[in-house]
Amino acid sequence: MPATFQSEDGVDAETSAPRVELRNQSANEIPEDNFQELLKSIKTENKKLLLSIQNENRKLGIIISQGIGVLENNFRAIRDALEMFRVPLIHIL
């Protein structure tokens, strides 16, 4: 299947990376300049995606850590509440 990248203004709206126009050309027929530009664009986009993924992973790590902290606090509160009520329950029994 031929590679086709096209844009009216020559810029990818999602990534702001220059788009390379390759129409109906097999990989062997892609001009070297276009191939290098496409390769550079792919590398740049991969770096952006990697940074974005790393940033999201950091955010998720913080959220998970905070969630674990909340759970620990809730379990402590439940334990403390049960310990407070243990004495009256023993006297009732």
PDB file of N, CA and C in Angstrom:
ATOM      1  N   MET A   1       0.860  -1.185   0.000  1.00  0.00           N
ATOM      2  CA  MET A   1       0.000   0.000   0.000  1.00  0.00           C
ATOM      3  C   MET A   1       0.897   1.236   0.000  1.00  0.00           C
ATOM      4  N   PRO A   2       0.636   2.189  -0.863  1.00  0.00           N
ATOM      5  CA  PRO A   2       1.489   3.377  -0.950  1.00  0.00           C
ATOM      6  C   PRO A   2       1.300   4.289   0.261  1.00  0.00           C
ATOM      7  N   ALA A   3       2.373   4.957   0.621  1.00  0.00           N
ATOM      8  CA  ALA A   3       2.305   5.922   1.722  1.00  0.00           C
ATOM      9  C   ALA A   3       1.740   7.231   1.201  1.00  0.00           C
ATOM     10  N   THR A   4       0.753   7.785   1.886  1.00  0.00           N
ATOM     11  CA  THR A   4       0.161   9.046   1.459  1.00  0.00           C
ATOM     12  C   THR A   4       0.011   9.956   2.663  1.00  0.00           C
ATOM     13  N   PHE A   5       0.699  11.055   2.658  1.00  0.00           N
ATOM     14  CA  PHE A   5       0.603  12.074   3.686  1.00  0.00           C
ATOM     15  C   PHE A   5       0.297  13.380   2.972  1.00  0.00           C
ATOM     16  N   GLN A   6      -0.818  13.975   3.300  1.00  0.00           N
ATOM     17  CA  GLN A   6      -1.161  15.199   2.597  1.00  0.00           C
ATOM     18  C   GLN A   6      -1.805  16.208   3.542  1.00  0.00           C
ATOM     19  N   SER A   7      -1.627  17.456   3.217  1.00  0.00           N
ATOM     20  CA  SER A   7      -2.213  18.546   3.975  1.00  0.00           C
ATOM     21  C   SER A   7      -2.265  19.755   3.069  1.00  0.00           C
ATOM     22  N   GLU A   8      -3.321  20.543   3.217  1.00  0.00           N
ATOM     23  CA  GLU A   8      -3.443  21.734   2.365  1.00  0.00           C
ATOM     24  C   GLU A   8      -2.334  22.733   2.641  1.00  0.00           C
ATOM     25  N   ASP A   9      -2.008  22.923   3.923  1.00  0.00           N
ATOM     26  CA  ASP A   9      -0.982  23.906   4.261  1.00  0.00           C
ATOM     27  C   ASP A   9       0.382  23.271   4.488  1.00  0.00           C
ATOM     28  N   GLY A  10       0.478  21.937   4.324  1.00  0.00           N
ATOM     29  CA  GLY A  10       1.757  21.258   4.481  1.00  0.00           C
ATOM     30  C   GLY A  10       2.141  20.982   5.921  1.00  0.00           C
ATOM     31  N   VAL A  11       1.202  21.207   6.863  1.00  0.00           N
ATOM     32  CA  VAL A  11       1.496  20.993   8.278  1.00  0.00           C
ATOM     33  C   VAL A  11       0.434  20.079   8.855  1.00  0.00           C
ATOM     34  N   ASP A  12       0.857  19.115   9.641  1.00  0.00           N
ATOM     35  CA  ASP A  12      -0.058  18.205  10.318  1.00  0.00           C
ATOM     36  C   ASP A  12      -0.761  18.990  11.423  1.00  0.00           C
ATOM     37  N   ALA A  13      -2.091  19.012  11.389  1.00  0.00           N
ATOM     38  CA  ALA A  13      -2.861  19.809  12.347  1.00  0.00           C
ATOM     39  C   ALA A  13      -2.684  19.310  13.778  1.00  0.00           C
ATOM     40  N   GLU A  14      -2.479  17.992  13.970  1.00  0.00           N
ATOM     41  CA  GLU A  14      -2.365  17.450  15.321  1.00  0.00           C
ATOM     42  C   GLU A  14      -0.987  17.663  15.918  1.00  0.00           C
ATOM     43  N   THR A  15       0.055  17.554  15.114  1.00  0.00           N
ATOM     44  CA  THR A  15       1.413  17.574  15.660  1.00  0.00           C
ATOM     45  C   THR A  15       2.195  18.824  15.303  1.00  0.00           C
ATOM     46  N   SER A  16       1.697  19.618  14.386  1.00  0.00           N
ATOM     47  CA  SER A  16       2.382  20.799  13.871  1.00  0.00           C
ATOM     48  C   SER A  16       3.696  20.439  13.173  1.00  0.00           C
ATOM     49  N   ALA A  17       3.848  19.173  12.833  1.00  0.00           N
ATOM     50  CA  ALA A  17       5.049  18.733  12.117  1.00  0.00           C
ATOM     51  C   ALA A  17       4.811  18.902  10.619  1.00  0.00           C
ATOM     52  N   PRO A  18       5.849  19.227   9.874  1.00  0.00           N
ATOM     53  CA  PRO A  18       5.658  19.334   8.438  1.00  0.00           C
ATOM     54  C   PRO A  18       5.250  17.992   7.864  1.00  0.00           C
ATOM     55  N   ARG A  19       4.299  18.022   6.958  1.00  0.00           N
ATOM     56  CA  ARG A  19       3.849  16.783   6.347  1.00  0.00           C
ATOM     57  C   ARG A  19       4.599  16.559   5.049  1.00  0.00           C
ATOM     58  N   VAL A  20       4.885  15.329   4.783  1.00  0.00           N
ATOM     59  CA  VAL A  20       5.580  14.949   3.568  1.00  0.00           C
ATOM     60  C   VAL A  20       4.555  14.351   2.620  1.00  0.00           C
ATOM     61  N   GLU A  21       4.539  14.846   1.407  1.00  0.00           N
ATOM     62  CA  GLU A  21       3.588  14.334   0.440  1.00  0.00           C
ATOM     63  C   GLU A  21       4.239  13.244  -0.400  1.00  0.00           C
ATOM     64  N   LEU A  22       3.730  12.049  -0.253  1.00  0.00           N
ATOM     65  CA  LEU A  22       4.186  10.899  -1.022  1.00  0.00           C
ATOM     66  C   LEU A  22       2.941  10.242  -1.598  1.00  0.00           C
ATOM     67  N   ARG A  23       2.806  10.284  -2.884  1.00  0.00           N
ATOM     68  CA  ARG A  23       1.601   9.737  -3.487  1.00  0.00           C
ATOM     69  C   ARG A  23       1.951   8.653  -4.488  1.00  0.00           C
ATOM     70  N   ASN A  24       1.295   7.511  -4.288  1.00  0.00           N
ATOM     71  CA  ASN A  24       1.424   6.390  -5.209  1.00  0.00           C
ATOM     72  C   ASN A  24       2.878   6.033  -5.488  1.00  0.00           C
ATOM     73  N   GLN A  25       3.667   5.989  -4.455  1.00  0.00           N
ATOM     74  CA  GLN A  25       5.063   5.615  -4.610  1.00  0.00           C
ATOM     75  C   GLN A  25       5.357   4.452  -3.684  1.00  0.00           C
ATOM     76  N   SER A  26       6.059   3.467  -4.188  1.00  0.00           N
ATOM     77  CA  SER A  26       6.476   2.377  -3.325  1.00  0.00           C
ATOM     78  C   SER A  26       7.661   2.868  -2.502  1.00  0.00           C
ATOM     79  N   ALA A  27       8.054   2.094  -1.503  1.00  0.00           N
ATOM     80  CA  ALA A  27       9.170   2.499  -0.640  1.00  0.00           C
ATOM     81  C   ALA A  27      10.449   2.676  -1.440  1.00  0.00           C
ATOM     82  N   ASN A  28      10.626   1.901  -2.507  1.00  0.00           N
ATOM     83  CA  ASN A  28      11.833   2.002  -3.323  1.00  0.00           C
ATOM     84  C   ASN A  28      11.843   3.256  -4.188  1.00  0.00           C
ATOM     85  N   GLU A  29      10.663   3.861  -4.422  1.00  0.00           N
ATOM     86  CA  GLU A  29      10.564   5.021  -5.301  1.00  0.00           C
ATOM     87  C   GLU A  29      10.529   6.339  -4.540  1.00  0.00           C
ATOM     88  N   ILE A  30      10.569   6.307  -3.210  1.00  0.00           N
ATOM     89  CA  ILE A  30      10.503   7.538  -2.423  1.00  0.00           C
ATOM     90  C   ILE A  30      11.828   8.283  -2.589  1.00  0.00           C
ATOM     91  N   PRO A  31      11.760   9.546  -3.007  1.00  0.00           N
ATOM     92  CA  PRO A  31      12.992  10.322  -3.136  1.00  0.00           C
ATOM     93  C   PRO A  31      13.711  10.433  -1.790  1.00  0.00           C
ATOM     94  N   GLU A  32      15.021  10.432  -1.827  1.00  0.00           N
ATOM     95  CA  GLU A  32      15.831  10.437  -0.609  1.00  0.00           C
ATOM     96  C   GLU A  32      15.510  11.635   0.286  1.00  0.00           C
ATOM     97  N   ASP A  33      15.310  12.820  -0.301  1.00  0.00           N
ATOM     98  CA  ASP A  33      14.991  14.006   0.502  1.00  0.00           C
ATOM     99  C   ASP A  33      13.682  13.826   1.251  1.00  0.00           C
ATOM    100  N   ASN A  34      12.663  13.333   0.546  1.00  0.00           N
ATOM    101  CA  ASN A  34      11.369  13.110   1.185  1.00  0.00           C
ATOM    102  C   ASN A  34      11.477  12.037   2.265  1.00  0.00           C
ATOM    103  N   PHE A  35      12.248  11.007   1.983  1.00  0.00           N
ATOM    104  CA  PHE A  35      12.422   9.925   2.952  1.00  0.00           C
ATOM    105  C   PHE A  35      13.096  10.448   4.216  1.00  0.00           C
ATOM    106  N   GLN A  36      14.146  11.245   4.067  1.00  0.00           N
ATOM    107  CA  GLN A  36      14.848  11.797   5.219  1.00  0.00           C
ATOM    108  C   GLN A  36      13.948  12.734   6.014  1.00  0.00           C
ATOM    109  N   GLU A  37      13.151  13.528   5.305  1.00  0.00           N
ATOM    110  CA  GLU A  37      12.228  14.444   5.981  1.00  0.00           C
ATOM    111  C   GLU A  37      11.166  13.652   6.741  1.00  0.00           C
ATOM    112  N   LEU A  38      10.651  12.602   6.109  1.00  0.00           N
ATOM    113  CA  LEU A  38       9.659  11.750   6.751  1.00  0.00           C
ATOM    114  C   LEU A  38      10.263  11.064   7.979  1.00  0.00           C
ATOM    115  N   LEU A  39      11.468  10.547   7.841  1.00  0.00           N
ATOM    116  CA  LEU A  39      12.146   9.890   8.956  1.00  0.00           C
ATOM    117  C   LEU A  39      12.374  10.865  10.111  1.00  0.00           C
ATOM    118  N   LYS A  40      12.809  12.079   9.795  1.00  0.00           N
ATOM    119  CA  LYS A  40      13.037  13.098  10.824  1.00  0.00           C
ATOM    120  C   LYS A  40      11.721  13.441  11.528  1.00  0.00           C
ATOM    121  N   SER A  41      10.653  13.567  10.751  1.00  0.00           N
ATOM    122  CA  SER A  41       9.343  13.874  11.310  1.00  0.00           C
ATOM    123  C   SER A  41       8.874  12.749  12.236  1.00  0.00           C
ATOM    124  N   ILE A  42       9.104  11.512  11.832  1.00  0.00           N
ATOM    125  CA  ILE A  42       8.706  10.366  12.656  1.00  0.00           C
ATOM    126  C   ILE A  42       9.502  10.345  13.950  1.00  0.00           C
ATOM    127  N   LYS A  43      10.801  10.591  13.870  1.00  0.00           N
ATOM    128  CA  LYS A  43      11.639  10.605  15.072  1.00  0.00           C
ATOM    129  C   LYS A  43      11.190  11.700  16.027  1.00  0.00           C
ATOM    130  N   THR A  44      10.901  12.886  15.489  1.00  0.00           N
ATOM    131  CA  THR A  44      10.446  13.999  16.319  1.00  0.00           C
ATOM    132  C   THR A  44       9.132  13.649  16.998  1.00  0.00           C
ATOM    133  N   GLU A  45       8.217  13.064  16.240  1.00  0.00           N
ATOM    134  CA  GLU A  45       6.918  12.700  16.790  1.00  0.00           C
ATOM    135  C   GLU A  45       7.063  11.615  17.852  1.00  0.00           C
ATOM    136  N   ASN A  46       7.954  10.665  17.621  1.00  0.00           N
ATOM    137  CA  ASN A  46       8.188   9.608  18.615  1.00  0.00           C
ATOM    138  C   ASN A  46       8.726  10.182  19.913  1.00  0.00           C
ATOM    139  N   LYS A  47       9.626  11.167  19.821  1.00  0.00           N
ATOM    140  CA  LYS A  47      10.160  11.804  21.024  1.00  0.00           C
ATOM    141  C   LYS A  47       9.040  12.516  21.791  1.00  0.00           C
ATOM    142  N   LYS A  48       8.167  13.225  21.057  1.00  0.00           N
ATOM    143  CA  LYS A  48       7.052  13.919  21.697  1.00  0.00           C
ATOM    144  C   LYS A  48       6.132  12.927  22.397  1.00  0.00           C
ATOM    145  N   LEU A  49       5.837  11.813  21.712  1.00  0.00           N
ATOM    146  CA  LEU A  49       4.959  10.807  22.296  1.00  0.00           C
ATOM    147  C   LEU A  49       5.590  10.175  23.531  1.00  0.00           C
ATOM    148  N   LEU A  50       6.885   9.899  23.476  1.00  0.00           N
ATOM    149  CA  LEU A  50       7.578   9.315  24.621  1.00  0.00           C
ATOM    150  C   LEU A  50       7.530  10.261  25.819  1.00  0.00           C
ATOM    151  N   LEU A  51       7.803  11.541  25.583  1.00  0.00           N
ATOM    152  CA  LEU A  51       7.737  12.525  26.678  1.00  0.00           C
ATOM    153  C   LEU A  51       6.325  12.625  27.249  1.00  0.00           C
ATOM    154  N   SER A  52       5.342  12.579  26.375  1.00  0.00           N
ATOM    155  CA  SER A  52       3.948  12.643  26.811  1.00  0.00           C
ATOM    156  C   SER A  52       3.593  11.418  27.657  1.00  0.00           C
ATOM    157  N   ILE A  53       4.025  10.251  27.216  1.00  0.00           N
ATOM    158  CA  ILE A  53       3.759   9.015  27.968  1.00  0.00           C
ATOM    159  C   ILE A  53       4.451   9.055  29.321  1.00  0.00           C
ATOM    160  N   GLN A  54       5.710   9.515  29.343  1.00  0.00           N
ATOM    161  CA  GLN A  54       6.433   9.611  30.611  1.00  0.00           C
ATOM    162  C   GLN A  54       5.749  10.576  31.564  1.00  0.00           C
ATOM    163  N   ASN A  55       5.256  11.700  31.031  1.00  0.00           N
ATOM    164  CA  ASN A  55       4.556  12.684  31.851  1.00  0.00           C
ATOM    165  C   ASN A  55       3.269  12.089  32.423  1.00  0.00           C
ATOM    166  N   GLU A  56       2.517  11.382  31.582  1.00  0.00           N
ATOM    167  CA  GLU A  56       1.275  10.757  32.044  1.00  0.00           C
ATOM    168  C   GLU A  56       1.568   9.682  33.082  1.00  0.00           C
ATOM    169  N   ASN A  57       2.649   8.926  32.891  1.00  0.00           N
ATOM    170  CA  ASN A  57       3.028   7.903  33.869  1.00  0.00           C
ATOM    171  C   ASN A  57       3.363   8.525  35.209  1.00  0.00           C
ATOM    172  N   ARG A  58       4.070   9.664  35.182  1.00  0.00           N
ATOM    173  CA  ARG A  58       4.376  10.367  36.433  1.00  0.00           C
ATOM    174  C   ARG A  58       3.081  10.801  37.126  1.00  0.00           C
ATOM    175  N   LYS A  59       2.153  11.361  36.343  1.00  0.00           N
ATOM    176  CA  LYS A  59       0.878  11.797  36.923  1.00  0.00           C
ATOM    177  C   LYS A  59       0.130  10.617  37.531  1.00  0.00           C
ATOM    178  N   LEU A  60       0.103   9.490  36.805  1.00  0.00           N
ATOM    179  CA  LEU A  60      -0.584   8.312  37.323  1.00  0.00           C
ATOM    180  C   LEU A  60       0.099   7.789  38.581  1.00  0.00           C
ATOM    181  N   GLY A  61       1.422   7.839  38.596  1.00  0.00           N
ATOM    182  CA  GLY A  61       2.151   7.408  39.785  1.00  0.00           C
ATOM    183  C   GLY A  61       1.796   8.246  40.996  1.00  0.00           C
ATOM    184  N   ILE A  62       1.683   9.545  40.793  1.00  0.00           N
ATOM    185  CA  ILE A  62       1.306  10.448  41.889  1.00  0.00           C
ATOM    186  C   ILE A  62      -0.108  10.138  42.357  1.00  0.00           C
ATOM    187  N   ILE A  63      -1.015   9.944  41.419  1.00  0.00           N
ATOM    188  CA  ILE A  63      -2.412   9.649  41.775  1.00  0.00           C
ATOM    189  C   ILE A  63      -2.498   8.332  42.537  1.00  0.00           C
ATOM    190  N   ILE A  64      -1.766   7.312  42.066  1.00  0.00           N
ATOM    191  CA  ILE A  64      -1.782   6.009  42.736  1.00  0.00           C
ATOM    192  C   ILE A  64      -1.199   6.132  44.136  1.00  0.00           C
ATOM    193  N   SER A  65      -0.100   6.875  44.277  1.00  0.00           N
ATOM    194  CA  SER A  65       0.512   7.072  45.602  1.00  0.00           C
ATOM    195  C   SER A  65      -0.462   7.770  46.542  1.00  0.00           C
ATOM    196  N   GLN A  66      -1.149   8.773  46.029  1.00  0.00           N
ATOM    197  CA  GLN A  66      -2.113   9.489  46.866  1.00  0.00           C
ATOM    198  C   GLN A  66      -3.265   8.562  47.245  1.00  0.00           C
ATOM    199  N   GLY A  67      -3.713   7.751  46.300  1.00  0.00           N
ATOM    200  CA  GLY A  67      -4.789   6.797  46.577  1.00  0.00           C
ATOM    201  C   GLY A  67      -4.387   5.790  47.640  1.00  0.00           C
ATOM    202  N   ILE A  68      -3.154   5.300  47.558  1.00  0.00           N
ATOM    203  CA  ILE A  68      -2.658   4.359  48.563  1.00  0.00           C
ATOM    204  C   ILE A  68      -2.604   5.035  49.931  1.00  0.00           C
ATOM    205  N   GLY A  69      -2.157   6.299  49.954  1.00  0.00           N
ATOM    206  CA  GLY A  69      -2.123   7.045  51.212  1.00  0.00           C
ATOM    207  C   GLY A  69      -3.507   7.201  51.815  1.00  0.00           C
ATOM    208  N   VAL A  70      -4.482   7.486  50.977  1.00  0.00           N
ATOM    209  CA  VAL A  70      -5.862   7.633  51.459  1.00  0.00           C
ATOM    210  C   VAL A  70      -6.364   6.303  52.019  1.00  0.00           C
ATOM    211  N   LEU A  71      -6.085   5.212  51.306  1.00  0.00           N
ATOM    212  CA  LEU A  71      -6.501   3.896  51.796  1.00  0.00           C
ATOM    213  C   LEU A  71      -5.854   3.557  53.136  1.00  0.00           C
ATOM    214  N   GLU A  72      -4.549   3.852  53.248  1.00  0.00           N
ATOM    215  CA  GLU A  72      -3.858   3.605  54.521  1.00  0.00           C
ATOM    216  C   GLU A  72      -4.504   4.399  55.646  1.00  0.00           C
ATOM    217  N   ASN A  73      -4.829   5.666  55.382  1.00  0.00           N
ATOM    218  CA  ASN A  73      -5.473   6.501  56.402  1.00  0.00           C
ATOM    219  C   ASN A  73      -6.843   5.947  56.775  1.00  0.00           C
ATOM    220  N   ASN A  74      -7.592   5.483  55.762  1.00  0.00           N
ATOM    221  CA  ASN A  74      -8.924   4.921  56.035  1.00  0.00           C
ATOM    222  C   ASN A  74      -8.820   3.655  56.881  1.00  0.00           C
ATOM    223  N   PHE A  75      -7.860   2.795  56.559  1.00  0.00           N
ATOM    224  CA  PHE A  75      -7.695   1.568  57.338  1.00  0.00           C
ATOM    225  C   PHE A  75      -7.273   1.885  58.772  1.00  0.00           C
ATOM    226  N   ARG A  76      -6.406   2.882  58.937  1.00  0.00           N
ATOM    227  CA  ARG A  76      -6.007   3.294  60.288  1.00  0.00           C
ATOM    228  C   ARG A  76      -7.220   3.806  61.071  1.00  0.00           C
ATOM    229  N   ALA A  77      -8.040   4.616  60.391  1.00  0.00           N
ATOM    230  CA  ALA A  77      -9.228   5.164  61.047  1.00  0.00           C
ATOM    231  C   ALA A  77     -10.196   4.048  61.439  1.00  0.00           C
ATOM    232  N   ILE A  78     -10.368   3.070  60.554  1.00  0.00           N
ATOM    233  CA  ILE A  78     -11.253   1.937  60.870  1.00  0.00           C
ATOM    234  C   ILE A  78     -10.685   1.140  62.036  1.00  0.00           C
ATOM    235  N   ARG A  79      -9.382   0.874  62.007  1.00  0.00           N
ATOM    236  CA  ARG A  79      -8.731   0.135  63.100  1.00  0.00           C
ATOM    237  C   ARG A  79      -8.902   0.884  64.430  1.00  0.00           C
ATOM    238  N   ASP A  80      -8.654   2.193  64.388  1.00  0.00           N
ATOM    239  CA  ASP A  80      -8.789   2.995  65.611  1.00  0.00           C
ATOM    240  C   ASP A  80     -10.226   2.981  66.117  1.00  0.00           C
ATOM    241  N   ALA A  81     -11.177   3.070  65.198  1.00  0.00           N
ATOM    242  CA  ALA A  81     -12.592   3.053  65.607  1.00  0.00           C
ATOM    243  C   ALA A  81     -12.950   1.705  66.223  1.00  0.00           C
ATOM    244  N   LEU A  82     -12.465   0.626  65.623  1.00  0.00           N
ATOM    245  CA  LEU A  82     -12.752  -0.699  66.177  1.00  0.00           C
ATOM    246  C   LEU A  82     -12.114  -0.876  67.547  1.00  0.00           C
ATOM    247  N   GLU A  83     -10.905  -0.352  67.719  1.00  0.00           N
ATOM    248  CA  GLU A  83     -10.248  -0.438  69.019  1.00  0.00           C
ATOM    249  C   GLU A  83     -11.000   0.375  70.071  1.00  0.00           C
ATOM    250  N   MET A  84     -11.566   1.508  69.672  1.00  0.00           N
ATOM    251  CA  MET A  84     -12.330   2.329  70.619  1.00  0.00           C
ATOM    252  C   MET A  84     -13.598   1.603  71.073  1.00  0.00           C
ATOM    253  N   PHE A  85     -14.214   0.857  70.163  1.00  0.00           N
ATOM    254  CA  PHE A  85     -15.468   0.195  70.490  1.00  0.00           C
ATOM    255  C   PHE A  85     -15.258  -1.192  71.085  1.00  0.00           C
ATOM    256  N   ARG A  86     -14.035  -1.692  71.090  1.00  0.00           N
ATOM    257  CA  ARG A  86     -13.784  -3.021  71.619  1.00  0.00           C
ATOM    258  C   ARG A  86     -14.116  -3.099  73.114  1.00  0.00           C
ATOM    259  N   VAL A  87     -13.716  -2.112  73.871  1.00  0.00           N
ATOM    260  CA  VAL A  87     -13.942  -2.138  75.316  1.00  0.00           C
ATOM    261  C   VAL A  87     -15.440  -2.123  75.641  1.00  0.00           C
ATOM    262  N   PRO A  88     -16.236  -1.211  75.068  1.00  0.00           N
ATOM    263  CA  PRO A  88     -17.669  -1.241  75.390  1.00  0.00           C
ATOM    264  C   PRO A  88     -18.331  -2.553  74.959  1.00  0.00           C
ATOM    265  N   LEU A  89     -17.912  -3.133  73.847  1.00  0.00           N
ATOM    266  CA  LEU A  89     -18.523  -4.386  73.413  1.00  0.00           C
ATOM    267  C   LEU A  89     -18.215  -5.516  74.391  1.00  0.00           C
ATOM    268  N   ILE A  90     -17.026  -5.535  74.941  1.00  0.00           N
ATOM    269  CA  ILE A  90     -16.670  -6.578  75.907  1.00  0.00           C
ATOM    270  C   ILE A  90     -17.515  -6.412  77.174  1.00  0.00           C
ATOM    271  N   HIS A  91     -17.717  -5.187  77.612  1.00  0.00           N
ATOM    272  CA  HIS A  91     -18.528  -4.963  78.815  1.00  0.00           C
ATOM    273  C   HIS A  91     -19.988  -5.357  78.583  1.00  0.00           C
ATOM    274  N   ILE A  92     -20.459  -5.157  77.342  1.00  0.00           N
ATOM    275  CA  ILE A  92     -21.847  -5.514  77.044  1.00  0.00           C
ATOM    276  C   ILE A  92     -22.004  -7.028  77.059  1.00  0.00           C
ATOM    277  N   LEU A  93     -21.031  -7.748  76.504  1.00  0.00           N
ATOM    278  CA  LEU A  93     -21.109  -9.206  76.455  1.00  0.00           C
ATOM    279  C   LEU A  93     -20.924  -9.758  77.847  1.00  0.00           C
TER     280      LEU A  93
END
